[in-house]
Amino acid sequence: MSSRPFQINLSSHRGMYGSALRLGLMLVSLGFIGLLAWDFERLQDIQAKRESAERALIQARDHDKQVQTEARAAGMDLSDSALEHMARDVAFANQLIAKRTFSWTHFLGDLEEVIPPRIAINNVKLDAKESSIALNGLAVSLKDLATLIMSLLDHRSFQDPVLKQHSVLDNTLVEFNLTVRYNHVASSQPSQPSKSSAKK
């Protein structure tokens, strides 16, 4: 009978574990290599985009210099201060155009149509460029102020009335300030006949 009946040889198991470990390390190394290749490809793409942007910037600067040279040869000033002054001139010209097309006759007629009897308008401030109006006045009650706002909403020439502020005075009158957009083009057009009148 053998003196060591339970002796087991583990050399084969060590070889199997070693092979699995080597395989795992190889797969991890391949993964790292793949990541490095992907990062390198991304870096190349970023570098190409950067070079393209730099070339476009150089072309834009060259074109800007060429335009300025041609402008100076034609007697025009395209400096920053000149362009800023030109923008102010354009804004002023637009404001003059808006004032020319604005009709005080139509505006006062439309305003008279929307003011209820128990409303007193103390001040009218017109911004012709923005086609907006600020109305300051007094109402006998909050109900009358609400009637004014509804009347503005229903009229063809007024849009977007906004009550900026209001306060009830000691004599129970309501002081208010509101803004409304005025469509003077629509107000200058003749009103269309209704369907009932057309049939007649």
Protein backbone atom coordinates (compact mmCIF):
# COMPACT_ATOMS: atom_id res chain seq x y z
CA MET A 1 0.00 0.00 0.00
CA SER A 2 1.35 3.46 -0.95
CA SER A 3 2.37 5.81 1.85
CA ARG A 4 0.90 8.84 -0.03
CA PRO A 5 -2.51 7.68 -1.37
CA PHE A 6 -3.98 11.23 -1.79
CA GLN A 7 -1.13 12.96 -3.64
CA ILE A 8 -2.40 15.05 -6.64
CA ASN A 9 -0.25 16.55 -9.40
CA LEU A 10 -1.28 20.23 -9.93
CA SER A 11 1.21 21.05 -12.67
CA SER A 12 -1.45 20.64 -15.37
CA HIS A 13 -3.79 23.13 -13.59
CA ARG A 14 -1.01 25.73 -13.29
CA GLY A 15 -0.40 25.46 -17.02
CA MET A 16 -4.09 25.96 -17.78
CA TYR A 17 -4.36 29.07 -15.54
CA GLY A 18 -1.16 30.49 -17.01
CA SER A 19 -2.49 30.10 -20.54
CA ALA A 20 -5.75 31.87 -19.61
CA LEU A 21 -3.82 34.70 -17.96
CA ARG A 22 -1.60 35.16 -21.01
CA LEU A 23 -4.67 35.21 -23.25
CA GLY A 24 -6.33 37.84 -21.04
CA LEU A 25 -3.24 40.05 -21.05
CA MET A 26 -3.04 39.72 -24.83
CA LEU A 27 -6.67 40.81 -25.25
CA VAL A 28 -6.15 43.80 -22.93
CA SER A 29 -3.05 44.81 -24.90
CA LEU A 30 -4.97 44.58 -28.16
CA GLY A 31 -7.70 46.76 -26.64
CA PHE A 32 -5.17 49.42 -25.64
CA ILE A 33 -3.64 49.32 -29.09
CA GLY A 34 -7.09 49.81 -30.62
CA LEU A 35 -7.79 52.81 -28.34
CA LEU A 36 -4.45 54.36 -29.22
CA ALA A 37 -5.18 53.93 -32.93
CA TRP A 38 -8.63 55.53 -32.50
CA ASP A 39 -7.16 58.48 -30.54
CA PHE A 40 -4.51 58.97 -33.20
CA GLU A 41 -7.17 58.99 -35.94
CA ARG A 42 -9.22 61.58 -34.00
CA LEU A 43 -6.13 63.72 -33.51
CA GLN A 44 -5.43 63.61 -37.24
CA ASP A 45 -9.03 64.66 -38.00
CA ILE A 46 -8.89 67.55 -35.50
CA GLN A 47 -5.57 68.70 -36.92
CA ALA A 48 -6.99 68.65 -40.46
CA LYS A 49 -10.04 70.70 -39.38
CA ARG A 50 -7.79 73.18 -37.57
CA GLU A 51 -5.62 73.65 -40.64
CA SER A 52 -8.73 74.13 -42.81
CA ALA A 53 -10.09 76.76 -40.40
CA GLU A 54 -6.75 78.59 -40.36
CA ARG A 55 -6.67 78.65 -44.17
CA ALA A 56 -10.25 80.00 -44.26
CA LEU A 57 -9.34 82.69 -41.72
CA ILE A 58 -6.32 83.76 -43.77
CA GLN A 59 -8.47 83.92 -46.93
CA ALA A 60 -11.10 86.00 -45.10
CA ARG A 61 -8.45 88.43 -43.85
CA ASP A 62 -6.95 88.73 -47.33
CA HIS A 63 -10.40 89.38 -48.79
CA ASP A 64 -11.11 91.99 -46.11
CA LYS A 65 -7.84 93.77 -46.90
CA GLN A 66 -8.65 93.67 -50.61
CA VAL A 67 -12.12 95.17 -50.01
CA GLN A 68 -10.66 97.93 -47.82
CA THR A 69 -8.03 98.69 -50.46
CA GLU A 70 -10.65 98.92 -53.20
CA ALA A 71 -12.89 101.05 -50.96
CA ARG A 72 -10.05 103.50 -50.23
CA ALA A 73 -9.30 103.69 -53.95
CA ALA A 74 -12.98 104.55 -54.54
CA GLY A 75 -12.91 107.20 -51.81
CA MET A 76 -14.94 105.22 -49.23
CA ASP A 77 -14.08 104.84 -45.55
CA LEU A 78 -14.77 101.37 -44.10
CA SER A 79 -13.14 101.87 -40.70
CA ASP A 80 -14.99 100.75 -37.54
CA SER A 81 -15.93 104.32 -36.61
CA ALA A 82 -17.22 104.99 -40.15
CA LEU A 83 -19.31 101.80 -40.15
CA GLU A 84 -20.77 102.69 -36.74
CA HIS A 85 -21.69 106.14 -38.02
CA MET A 86 -23.22 104.55 -41.13
CA ALA A 87 -25.40 102.28 -38.95
CA ARG A 88 -26.71 105.33 -37.06
CA ASP A 89 -27.47 107.05 -40.38
CA VAL A 90 -29.40 104.00 -41.63
CA ALA A 91 -31.42 103.83 -38.40
CA PHE A 92 -32.24 107.54 -38.67
CA ALA A 93 -33.26 107.12 -42.32
CA ASN A 94 -35.57 104.24 -41.41
CA GLN A 95 -37.15 106.38 -38.71
CA LEU A 96 -37.77 109.19 -41.20
CA ILE A 97 -39.35 106.75 -43.65
CA ALA A 98 -41.63 105.43 -40.91
CA LYS A 99 -42.69 108.96 -39.98
CA ARG A 100 -43.47 109.81 -43.59
CA THR A 101 -45.79 106.82 -43.96
CA PHE A 102 -47.49 107.51 -40.64
CA SER A 103 -50.77 109.43 -40.88
CA TRP A 104 -51.81 111.44 -37.83
CA THR A 105 -55.27 111.84 -39.35
CA HIS A 106 -55.83 108.09 -39.51
CA PHE A 107 -54.29 107.58 -36.08
CA LEU A 108 -56.47 110.18 -34.33
CA GLY A 109 -59.54 108.82 -36.07
CA ASP A 110 -58.76 105.25 -34.98
CA LEU A 111 -57.95 106.40 -31.44
CA GLU A 112 -61.26 108.25 -31.20
CA GLU A 113 -63.07 105.05 -32.18
CA VAL A 114 -61.58 103.01 -29.32
CA ILE A 115 -61.74 105.49 -26.40
CA PRO A 116 -64.81 104.78 -24.21
CA PRO A 117 -66.80 107.73 -22.78
CA ARG A 118 -65.48 107.35 -19.19
CA ILE A 119 -61.79 107.42 -20.22
CA ALA A 120 -59.62 110.56 -20.40
CA ILE A 121 -56.29 110.37 -22.25
CA ASN A 122 -53.75 112.83 -20.82
CA ASN A 123 -50.71 111.97 -22.89
CA VAL A 124 -49.95 110.07 -26.11
CA LYS A 125 -46.37 109.13 -26.95
CA LEU A 126 -45.77 107.69 -30.40
CA ASP A 127 -42.77 105.64 -31.52
CA ALA A 128 -43.20 105.61 -35.30
CA LYS A 129 -40.18 103.35 -35.80
CA GLU A 130 -41.63 100.61 -33.60
CA SER A 131 -45.26 101.41 -34.52
CA SER A 132 -46.14 101.48 -30.83
CA ILE A 133 -48.04 103.96 -28.71
CA ALA A 134 -47.91 104.75 -24.99
CA LEU A 135 -51.21 106.03 -23.58
CA ASN A 136 -51.39 107.75 -20.18
CA GLY A 137 -54.77 108.68 -18.78
CA LEU A 138 -57.54 108.34 -16.22
CA ALA A 139 -60.44 105.91 -16.02
CA VAL A 140 -63.52 106.34 -13.86
CA SER A 141 -63.24 102.70 -12.74
CA LEU A 142 -61.28 99.52 -13.38
CA LYS A 143 -64.22 98.28 -15.44
CA ASP A 144 -63.84 101.26 -17.77
CA LEU A 145 -60.11 100.54 -18.08
CA ALA A 146 -60.91 96.94 -19.00
CA THR A 147 -63.40 98.23 -21.59
CA LEU A 148 -60.64 100.34 -23.16
CA ILE A 149 -58.31 97.35 -23.42
CA MET A 150 -61.04 95.19 -25.00
CA SER A 151 -61.84 98.00 -27.43
CA LEU A 152 -58.18 98.13 -28.49
CA LEU A 153 -58.15 94.36 -28.97
CA ASP A 154 -61.26 94.46 -31.16
CA HIS A 155 -60.10 97.31 -33.41
CA ARG A 156 -58.45 96.42 -36.77
CA SER A 157 -55.62 98.96 -36.34
CA PHE A 158 -54.45 98.17 -32.79
CA GLN A 159 -52.63 95.06 -31.59
CA ASP A 160 -51.12 93.68 -28.38
CA PRO A 161 -52.32 96.20 -25.75
CA VAL A 162 -50.25 95.84 -22.56
CA LEU A 163 -51.20 97.51 -19.27
CA LYS A 164 -47.86 98.69 -17.86
CA GLN A 165 -49.15 100.09 -14.59
CA HIS A 166 -52.27 101.44 -12.91
CA SER A 167 -53.15 102.92 -9.53
CA VAL A 168 -56.37 103.96 -7.79
CA LEU A 169 -56.26 107.60 -6.68
CA ASP A 170 -57.89 109.12 -3.60
CA ASN A 171 -60.85 110.29 -5.69
CA THR A 172 -61.33 106.63 -6.84
CA LEU A 173 -60.17 107.46 -10.36
CA VAL A 174 -57.77 104.95 -11.93
CA GLU A 175 -54.55 106.33 -13.36
CA PHE A 176 -53.08 104.05 -16.01
CA ASN A 177 -50.26 103.65 -18.48
CA LEU A 178 -50.50 101.18 -21.34
CA THR A 179 -48.78 100.49 -24.64
CA VAL A 180 -50.29 99.20 -27.86
CA ARG A 181 -48.95 98.47 -31.33
CA TYR A 182 -50.49 100.52 -34.13
CA ASN A 183 -50.81 99.13 -37.65
CA HIS A 184 -51.15 102.35 -39.61
CA VAL A 185 -50.99 100.50 -42.96
CA ALA A 186 -54.14 98.57 -42.15
CA SER A 187 -55.88 101.70 -40.92
CA SER A 188 -55.16 103.54 -44.18
CA GLN A 189 -56.80 100.82 -46.26
CA PRO A 190 -60.52 101.15 -46.94
CA SER A 191 -62.66 98.75 -45.01
CA GLN A 192 -64.12 95.83 -46.96
CA PRO A 193 -67.90 95.72 -47.32
CA SER A 194 -69.64 93.06 -45.28
CA LYS A 195 -71.19 90.01 -46.94
CA SER A 196 -74.70 91.15 -46.12
CA SER A 197 -74.18 94.54 -47.79
CA ALA A 198 -72.54 92.87 -50.78
CA LYS A 199 -75.58 90.68 -51.31
CA LYS A 200 -77.84 93.73 -51.26
